[in-house]
Amino acid sequence: MKTRLVQSFRDIEPEAWGQLTGARRGGPGYNPFSSYAFLSSVEESGSAVAKTGWMGRHLLLEDEGRLIGAVAGYLKSHSQGEYVFDHGWAQAFERAGGRYYPKLQMSAPFTPATGPRLLVADGEDRPAVMRRLAAAVKAETDELGLSSAHATFLPEEEWRLLEAQGFLHRTDQQFHFHNAGYANHDAFLETLASRKRKALKKERRAALENGISIDWLTGKDLTEDVWDQFYAFYMDTGSRKWGRPYLTRSFYSLIGERMADDILLVMAKREGRYVAGAINFIGAETLYGRHWGCIEDHPFLHFEVCYHQAIDFALACGLKTVEAGAQGEHKLARGYLPVTTHSAHYISHPGLRRAVDDYLKQERAEVEAIGSYLTEHSPFRKSGAEEE
């Protein structure tokens, strides 16, 4: 077996990549953000390239020329677009005379969604291949003299393996909706406390006042005209929220060509034109909400488009989970429960490693305590409790 590094997905065979863990559409555990279609589109569109601080450094593990494992990696010159914040680590290290950037980042760019990072071909010895990939990442970090390597939003199998390989374990929190076999949205609402249920029904009615209707667009519905309208929402909201939106207009055209059946646009229409929308990606069992935008402000419309409609779609399609993006305790009241997310960090400098390790021990305890508190205060009826 040999490892090989490439800077672009143009140097990787799409068919070979499609045989890796979670990357094959229709396969078990399919994750759209691990697909060749998504990762090549974010690169070709100029969204994640060296110019924007995402220099491709993709690690391929081959056995007699056959791809058996891979890591989508990037040399980062900043910590933006990752959603696992290490700015404090960088500032402390540089104040002490170190050089934190560039660092090695293993993730789906601009995507705070859990998914495979150590990808393994079907039929291979998964633990053995993943250990080989982890060792190669550490070796590359040391050989290039990098401060660190970061694998973010990891499934349990991977963060545990990386922790055993000397990576530091970090946790954070998101809010996910879990489909308990509900027949429809009303069946889900029946599991909530009466006061919470009434509040959400009122919220949904209010969101559609002013003559607003909702469309679900996917597949052939995703025309260039639709993308133009959605991109206007993204730019308007993203410019106010982040200062400079990450994704280019061509990104949407590329994913529309390559993975339209894996995309759901929830679009709000008023007086014959779309005024707001949210983009979601469809996995094997999960609907992933990514970002939203609008050109008109209406009370509760953000909650309707991003959270309630996502639940409606998941229930209609039999999906098990809705992941509604990073952070947001306001999601709790809408039936999204706290879930711990995981990342793994290889810190090459001994002093920085000790400091980060101490910090993460305290942070993990805080994340666990907050998660327990929020779960206790969820809108769901407590077992045996009477209606409010």
Protein backbone atom coordinates (compact mmCIF):
# COMPACT_ATOMS: atom_id res chain seq x y z
CA MET A 1 0.00 0.00 0.00
CA LYS A 2 1.19 3.48 -0.86
CA THR A 3 -0.03 6.96 0.01
CA ARG A 4 -0.29 9.72 -2.54
CA LEU A 5 -1.17 13.40 -2.17
CA VAL A 6 -3.11 15.38 -4.78
CA GLN A 7 -4.17 19.01 -4.76
CA SER A 8 -7.33 18.71 -6.85
CA PHE A 9 -10.28 16.41 -7.29
CA ARG A 10 -9.52 16.56 -10.99
CA ASP A 11 -6.69 14.15 -10.18
CA ILE A 12 -9.05 11.60 -8.59
CA GLU A 13 -11.23 9.14 -10.50
CA PRO A 14 -14.89 9.83 -9.65
CA GLU A 15 -15.78 6.12 -9.88
CA ALA A 16 -13.03 5.15 -7.45
CA TRP A 17 -14.03 7.86 -4.97
CA GLY A 18 -17.63 6.71 -5.26
CA GLN A 19 -16.69 3.31 -3.77
CA LEU A 20 -15.56 4.89 -0.50
CA THR A 21 -17.42 5.01 2.81
CA GLY A 22 -20.59 7.04 2.55
CA ALA A 23 -19.67 8.51 -0.83
CA ARG A 24 -21.75 6.21 -3.05
CA ARG A 25 -25.22 7.53 -3.76
CA GLY A 26 -27.79 4.91 -2.84
CA GLY A 27 -25.26 3.04 -0.71
CA PRO A 28 -25.50 2.50 3.04
CA GLY A 29 -24.70 5.56 5.09
CA TYR A 30 -24.57 7.83 2.04
CA ASN A 31 -23.51 11.34 3.03
CA PRO A 32 -23.85 13.94 0.26
CA PHE A 33 -20.98 16.01 1.66
CA SER A 34 -18.60 13.07 1.21
CA SER A 35 -19.57 12.63 -2.42
CA TYR A 36 -17.30 13.41 -5.34
CA ALA A 37 -20.08 15.65 -6.71
CA PHE A 38 -20.09 17.95 -3.68
CA LEU A 39 -16.35 18.04 -3.00
CA SER A 40 -15.42 18.62 -6.65
CA SER A 41 -18.08 21.33 -6.98
CA VAL A 42 -16.89 23.31 -3.97
CA GLU A 43 -13.43 23.24 -5.52
CA GLU A 44 -14.25 23.90 -9.19
CA SER A 45 -16.53 26.78 -8.26
CA GLY A 46 -13.62 28.61 -6.64
CA SER A 47 -15.25 28.39 -3.20
CA ALA A 48 -12.63 26.16 -1.52
CA VAL A 49 -9.32 26.79 -3.28
CA ALA A 50 -5.90 28.15 -2.36
CA LYS A 51 -7.03 31.72 -3.11
CA THR A 52 -9.75 31.49 -0.46
CA GLY A 53 -7.47 29.77 2.07
CA TRP A 54 -8.44 26.15 1.24
CA MET A 55 -5.51 24.57 -0.61
CA GLY A 56 -6.34 21.00 -1.56
CA ARG A 57 -4.18 18.38 0.16
CA HIS A 58 -6.12 15.17 -0.43
CA LEU A 59 -4.59 11.97 0.87
CA LEU A 60 -5.08 8.79 -1.17
CA LEU A 61 -4.21 5.31 0.06
CA GLU A 62 -3.74 2.87 -2.82
CA ASP A 63 -3.10 -0.85 -3.06
CA GLU A 64 -1.44 -1.68 -6.38
CA GLY A 65 -3.01 1.43 -7.88
CA ARG A 66 -6.51 0.75 -6.51
CA LEU A 67 -7.98 3.38 -4.20
CA ILE A 68 -8.79 1.77 -0.85
CA GLY A 69 -8.87 4.81 1.44
CA ALA A 70 -8.83 8.60 1.31
CA VAL A 71 -9.04 11.83 3.26
CA ALA A 72 -10.32 15.09 1.78
CA GLY A 73 -7.82 17.50 3.29
CA TYR A 74 -6.97 21.17 3.00
CA LEU A 75 -4.06 23.36 4.03
CA LYS A 76 -5.81 26.27 5.74
CA SER A 77 -4.40 29.76 6.17
CA HIS A 78 -7.25 30.75 8.53
CA SER A 79 -10.00 29.13 10.62
CA GLN A 80 -13.06 30.42 8.79
CA GLY A 81 -15.81 28.20 7.40
CA GLU A 82 -15.13 25.33 9.81
CA TYR A 83 -17.68 25.81 12.65
CA VAL A 84 -15.29 24.28 15.20
CA PHE A 85 -13.60 27.37 16.50
CA ASP A 86 -9.88 27.32 17.28
CA HIS A 87 -9.11 31.02 16.92
CA GLY A 88 -8.14 31.18 20.60
CA TRP A 89 -5.62 28.37 20.14
CA ALA A 90 -4.09 30.18 17.16
CA GLN A 91 -3.83 33.51 18.97
CA ALA A 92 -2.27 31.96 22.07
CA PHE A 93 0.28 29.98 20.06
CA GLU A 94 1.29 32.97 17.96
CA ARG A 95 1.60 35.22 21.04
CA ALA A 96 4.04 32.63 22.37
CA GLY A 97 6.09 32.90 19.18
CA GLY A 98 4.66 29.92 17.29
CA ARG A 99 3.18 29.73 13.81
CA TYR A 100 -0.30 28.22 13.84
CA TYR A 101 -1.10 28.59 10.13
CA PRO A 102 -1.07 26.83 7.79
CA LYS A 103 -2.82 23.91 9.44
CA LEU A 104 -4.28 20.73 7.96
CA GLN A 105 -8.08 20.55 7.93
CA MET A 106 -10.07 17.37 7.24
CA SER A 107 -13.69 18.27 6.62
CA ALA A 108 -16.37 19.06 4.08
CA PRO A 109 -15.75 22.78 3.47
CA PHE A 110 -18.29 25.18 4.97
CA THR A 111 -20.36 22.28 6.27
CA PRO A 112 -21.03 21.65 9.98
CA ALA A 113 -22.48 18.17 9.44
CA THR A 114 -21.21 14.91 10.87
CA GLY A 115 -19.89 12.55 8.23
CA PRO A 116 -16.99 10.23 7.39
CA ARG A 117 -13.54 11.79 7.11
CA LEU A 118 -11.44 8.60 6.97
CA LEU A 119 -13.03 7.07 3.90
CA VAL A 120 -12.56 3.36 3.22
CA ALA A 121 -13.42 1.36 0.10
CA ASP A 122 -16.08 -1.31 0.32
CA GLY A 123 -14.75 -4.71 1.27
CA GLU A 124 -11.59 -3.45 2.95
CA ASP A 125 -10.50 -3.92 6.57
CA ARG A 126 -11.95 -0.66 7.89
CA PRO A 127 -10.00 -0.31 11.15
CA ALA A 128 -6.71 -1.18 9.46
CA VAL A 129 -7.22 1.27 6.60
CA MET A 130 -8.37 4.04 8.96
CA ARG A 131 -5.32 3.54 11.18
CA ARG A 132 -3.11 3.76 8.10
CA LEU A 133 -4.82 7.00 7.06
CA ALA A 134 -4.46 8.45 10.57
CA ALA A 135 -0.75 7.61 10.63
CA ALA A 136 -0.31 9.23 7.21
CA VAL A 137 -2.04 12.42 8.39
CA LYS A 138 0.24 12.65 11.44
CA ALA A 139 3.32 12.00 9.31
CA GLU A 140 2.33 14.67 6.81
CA THR A 141 1.70 17.19 9.59
CA ASP A 142 5.14 16.54 11.08
CA GLU A 143 6.97 16.48 7.74
CA LEU A 144 5.48 19.81 6.65
CA GLY A 145 6.18 21.37 10.06
CA LEU A 146 2.52 22.21 10.60
CA SER A 147 1.17 23.17 13.99
CA SER A 148 -1.80 20.83 13.83
CA ALA A 149 -4.26 18.64 11.92
CA HIS A 150 -8.01 18.79 12.56
CA ALA A 151 -10.76 16.32 11.69
CA THR A 152 -14.14 17.86 12.41
CA PHE A 153 -17.72 16.56 12.75
CA LEU A 154 -16.73 12.92 13.10
CA PRO A 155 -18.83 9.79 13.55
CA GLU A 156 -18.09 7.85 16.74
CA GLU A 157 -16.05 5.13 15.06
CA GLU A 158 -13.62 7.70 13.70
CA TRP A 159 -13.14 9.98 16.68
CA ARG A 160 -12.52 6.99 18.92
CA LEU A 161 -9.94 5.58 16.50
CA LEU A 162 -8.21 8.95 16.13
CA GLU A 163 -8.17 9.45 19.89
CA ALA A 164 -6.42 6.10 20.22
CA GLN A 165 -3.91 7.34 17.64
CA GLY A 166 -2.98 10.38 19.74
CA PHE A 167 -5.50 12.96 18.56
CA LEU A 168 -7.22 15.13 21.17
CA HIS A 169 -10.98 14.72 21.48
CA ARG A 170 -13.22 17.78 21.33
CA THR A 171 -16.99 18.03 21.70
CA ASP A 172 -19.60 20.60 20.83
CA GLN A 173 -23.36 20.69 20.48
CA GLN A 174 -25.99 20.85 17.76
CA PHE A 175 -29.75 20.35 17.67
CA HIS A 176 -31.27 17.51 15.63
CA PHE A 177 -34.81 16.31 15.04
CA HIS A 178 -35.33 12.56 15.48
CA ASN A 179 -38.16 10.84 13.66
CA ALA A 180 -39.76 8.39 16.07
CA GLY A 181 -41.93 6.94 13.32
CA TYR A 182 -44.38 9.86 13.26
CA ALA A 183 -47.09 9.56 10.62
CA ASN A 184 -47.08 13.32 10.04
CA HIS A 185 -46.30 16.65 11.70
CA ASP A 186 -49.45 16.56 13.80
CA ALA A 187 -48.43 13.17 15.21
CA PHE A 188 -45.08 14.69 16.20
CA LEU A 189 -46.80 17.68 17.83
CA GLU A 190 -48.91 15.34 19.95
CA THR A 191 -45.74 14.28 21.78
CA LEU A 192 -45.13 17.85 22.98
CA ALA A 193 -46.47 19.49 26.07
CA SER A 194 -49.80 21.16 25.37
CA ARG A 195 -48.54 24.71 25.76
CA LYS A 196 -45.58 24.07 23.46
CA ARG A 197 -47.79 22.37 20.88
CA LYS A 198 -50.23 25.30 20.76
CA ALA A 199 -47.36 27.79 20.46
CA LEU A 200 -45.86 25.99 17.45
CA LYS A 201 -49.22 25.71 15.67
CA LYS A 202 -49.73 29.44 16.17
CA GLU A 203 -46.19 30.13 14.94
CA ARG A 204 -46.73 28.13 11.75
CA ARG A 205 -49.98 29.94 10.97
CA ALA A 206 -48.36 33.32 11.57
CA ALA A 207 -45.41 32.51 9.30
CA LEU A 208 -47.71 32.05 6.30
CA GLU A 209 -49.70 35.20 6.79
CA ASN A 210 -49.28 37.98 4.24
CA GLY A 211 -50.13 35.54 1.45
CA ILE A 212 -46.99 33.39 1.74
CA SER A 213 -46.90 29.87 0.29
CA ILE A 214 -44.17 27.22 0.41
CA ASP A 215 -42.68 25.17 -2.46
CA TRP A 216 -40.38 22.15 -2.26
CA LEU A 217 -37.97 22.14 -5.21
CA THR A 218 -35.67 19.24 -6.05
CA GLY A 219 -34.29 17.44 -9.09
CA LYS A 220 -35.43 19.05 -12.36
CA ASP A 221 -37.11 21.86 -10.43
CA LEU A 222 -33.66 23.34 -9.76
CA THR A 223 -33.33 25.55 -12.80
CA GLU A 224 -30.77 28.31 -13.29
CA ASP A 225 -33.51 30.87 -12.68
CA VAL A 226 -34.27 29.26 -9.32
CA TRP A 227 -30.58 29.26 -8.42
CA ASP A 228 -30.33 32.95 -9.36
CA GLN A 229 -33.14 33.74 -6.95
CA PHE A 230 -31.75 31.59 -4.16
CA TYR A 231 -28.26 33.03 -4.58
CA ALA A 232 -29.71 36.52 -4.15
CA PHE A 233 -31.14 35.38 -0.80
CA TYR A 234 -27.81 33.83 0.17
CA MET A 235 -25.82 36.95 -0.72
CA ASP A 236 -28.21 39.33 1.03
CA THR A 237 -28.33 37.38 4.29
CA GLY A 238 -24.73 36.11 4.15
CA SER A 239 -23.31 39.58 3.58
CA ARG A 240 -25.08 40.86 6.68
CA LYS A 241 -24.28 37.81 8.81
CA TRP A 242 -20.73 36.88 7.81
CA GLY A 243 -19.48 39.92 5.89
CA ARG A 244 -18.34 37.82 2.93
CA PRO A 245 -20.35 34.75 1.91
CA TYR A 246 -18.22 31.66 1.29
CA LEU A 247 -19.91 30.10 -1.74
CA THR A 248 -19.82 31.38 -5.31
CA ARG A 249 -22.75 31.46 -7.72
CA SER A 250 -21.17 28.75 -9.89
CA PHE A 251 -21.19 26.35 -6.92
CA TYR A 252 -24.97 26.18 -7.11
CA SER A 253 -24.96 25.53 -10.84
CA LEU A 254 -22.47 22.70 -10.39
CA ILE A 255 -24.36 20.94 -7.62
CA GLY A 256 -27.54 21.46 -9.63
CA GLU A 257 -25.93 19.55 -12.51
CA ARG A 258 -24.27 16.83 -10.42
CA MET A 259 -26.51 16.09 -7.44
CA ALA A 260 -29.91 17.73 -7.99
CA ASP A 261 -31.78 14.71 -6.62
CA ASP A 262 -29.84 15.11 -3.35
CA ILE A 263 -30.96 18.70 -2.87
CA LEU A 264 -34.14 20.19 -1.46
CA LEU A 265 -34.83 23.90 -1.73
CA VAL A 266 -37.63 25.08 0.55
CA MET A 267 -38.79 28.31 -1.06
CA ALA A 268 -41.28 30.86 0.27
CA LYS A 269 -43.36 32.72 -2.32
CA ARG A 270 -45.35 35.94 -2.00
CA GLU A 271 -47.22 37.75 -4.76
CA GLY A 272 -45.85 35.46 -7.44
CA ARG A 273 -42.15 35.66 -6.58
CA TYR A 274 -39.82 33.88 -4.19
CA VAL A 275 -38.79 35.99 -1.20
CA ALA A 276 -36.90 33.48 0.99
CA GLY A 277 -35.48 29.98 0.89
CA ALA A 278 -33.33 27.35 2.56
CA ILE A 279 -31.10 24.71 0.99
CA ASN A 280 -31.03 21.17 2.35
CA PHE A 281 -29.07 18.09 1.27
CA ILE A 282 -30.60 14.62 1.36
CA GLY A 283 -28.59 11.68 2.70
CA ALA A 284 -29.43 8.02 3.14
CA GLU A 285 -31.27 8.64 6.42
CA THR A 286 -30.79 12.33 7.16
CA LEU A 287 -31.90 15.69 5.84
CA TYR A 288 -29.11 18.23 6.29
CA GLY A 289 -30.20 21.86 6.55
CA ARG A 290 -27.42 24.16 5.44
CA HIS A 291 -28.20 27.83 4.99
CA TRP A 292 -31.06 30.18 4.38
CA GLY A 293 -31.58 33.64 2.97
CA CYS A 294 -34.34 36.15 2.32
CA ILE A 295 -35.04 39.46 0.63
CA GLU A 296 -38.12 40.19 2.74
CA ASP A 297 -38.52 39.90 6.50
CA HIS A 298 -41.65 38.19 7.82
CA PRO A 299 -42.29 37.06 11.41
CA PHE A 300 -41.46 33.38 12.03
CA LEU A 301 -40.72 32.71 8.33
CA HIS A 302 -37.16 31.60 9.11
CA PHE A 303 -38.46 28.99 11.57
CA GLU A 304 -41.07 27.74 9.12
CA VAL A 305 -38.72 27.44 6.14
CA CYS A 306 -35.71 26.03 7.97
CA TYR A 307 -37.16 23.86 10.74
CA HIS A 308 -40.86 23.04 10.38
CA GLN A 309 -40.72 22.37 6.64
CA ALA A 310 -37.61 20.24 7.11
CA ILE A 311 -39.52 18.07 9.58
CA ASP A 312 -42.44 17.83 7.15
CA PHE A 313 -40.13 16.67 4.36
CA ALA A 314 -38.28 14.17 6.54
CA LEU A 315 -41.53 12.61 7.71
CA ALA A 316 -42.91 12.47 4.17
CA CYS A 317 -39.77 10.71 2.92
CA GLY A 318 -39.19 8.44 5.90
CA LEU A 319 -35.89 10.03 6.89
CA LYS A 320 -34.72 9.35 10.43
CA THR A 321 -33.05 12.64 11.29
CA VAL A 322 -32.94 16.33 10.46
CA GLU A 323 -29.65 18.09 11.17
CA ALA A 324 -30.37 21.79 11.11
CA GLY A 325 -26.82 23.14 11.06
CA ALA A 326 -24.62 24.65 13.72
CA GLN A 327 -25.65 25.91 17.15
CA GLY A 328 -29.02 27.54 17.85
CA GLU A 329 -30.78 26.88 21.14
CA HIS A 330 -33.94 28.34 19.59
CA LYS A 331 -34.27 25.02 17.76
CA LEU A 332 -35.02 23.26 21.05
CA ALA A 333 -38.51 24.74 21.31
CA ARG A 334 -39.24 23.40 17.81
CA GLY A 335 -38.51 19.77 18.64
CA TYR A 336 -34.78 19.64 17.87
CA LEU A 337 -32.90 18.00 20.73
CA PRO A 338 -29.27 18.62 21.78
CA VAL A 339 -26.75 16.21 20.26
CA THR A 340 -23.04 16.08 20.97
CA THR A 341 -20.75 16.54 17.98
CA HIS A 342 -17.13 15.38 17.92
CA SER A 343 -13.81 16.37 16.41
CA ALA A 344 -10.22 15.18 16.75
CA HIS A 345 -7.08 17.32 16.79
CA TYR A 346 -3.44 16.33 16.34
CA ILE A 347 -1.25 19.03 17.92
CA SER A 348 2.39 18.61 16.99
CA HIS A 349 3.93 21.16 19.40
CA PRO A 350 4.20 19.61 22.91
CA GLY A 351 3.48 22.84 24.79
CA LEU A 352 0.46 23.73 22.70
CA ARG A 353 -0.77 20.16 22.96
CA ARG A 354 -0.66 20.22 26.77
CA ALA A 355 -2.51 23.54 26.92
CA VAL A 356 -5.19 22.42 24.45
CA ASP A 357 -5.59 19.07 26.22
CA ASP A 358 -6.24 20.80 29.55
CA TYR A 359 -8.73 23.17 27.94
CA LEU A 360 -10.62 20.35 26.18
CA LYS A 361 -11.10 18.38 29.39
CA GLN A 362 -12.96 21.33 30.90
CA GLU A 363 -14.83 22.07 27.68
CA ARG A 364 -16.09 18.49 27.31
CA ALA A 365 -17.49 18.59 30.86
CA GLU A 366 -19.27 21.87 30.12
CA VAL A 367 -20.75 20.58 26.86
CA GLU A 368 -22.05 17.48 28.65
CA ALA A 369 -23.60 19.51 31.46
CA ILE A 370 -25.29 21.96 29.10
CA GLY A 371 -26.62 19.10 26.96
CA SER A 372 -28.15 17.41 29.98
CA TYR A 373 -29.77 20.65 31.14
CA LEU A 374 -31.25 21.41 27.72
CA THR A 375 -32.56 17.87 27.28
CA GLU A 376 -34.33 18.15 30.63
CA HIS A 377 -36.00 21.35 29.40
CA SER A 378 -37.11 20.06 26.00
CA PRO A 379 -40.69 20.73 24.82
CA PHE A 380 -41.59 17.03 24.89
CA ARG A 381 -44.03 15.72 27.48
CA LYS A 382 -42.32 14.00 30.35
CA SER A 383 -43.14 10.34 30.80
CA GLY A 384 -46.27 10.01 32.91
CA ALA A 385 -46.84 13.77 33.06
CA GLU A 386 -50.31 15.17 32.60
CA GLU A 387 -51.17 17.65 29.86
CA GLU A 388 -50.47 21.25 30.82
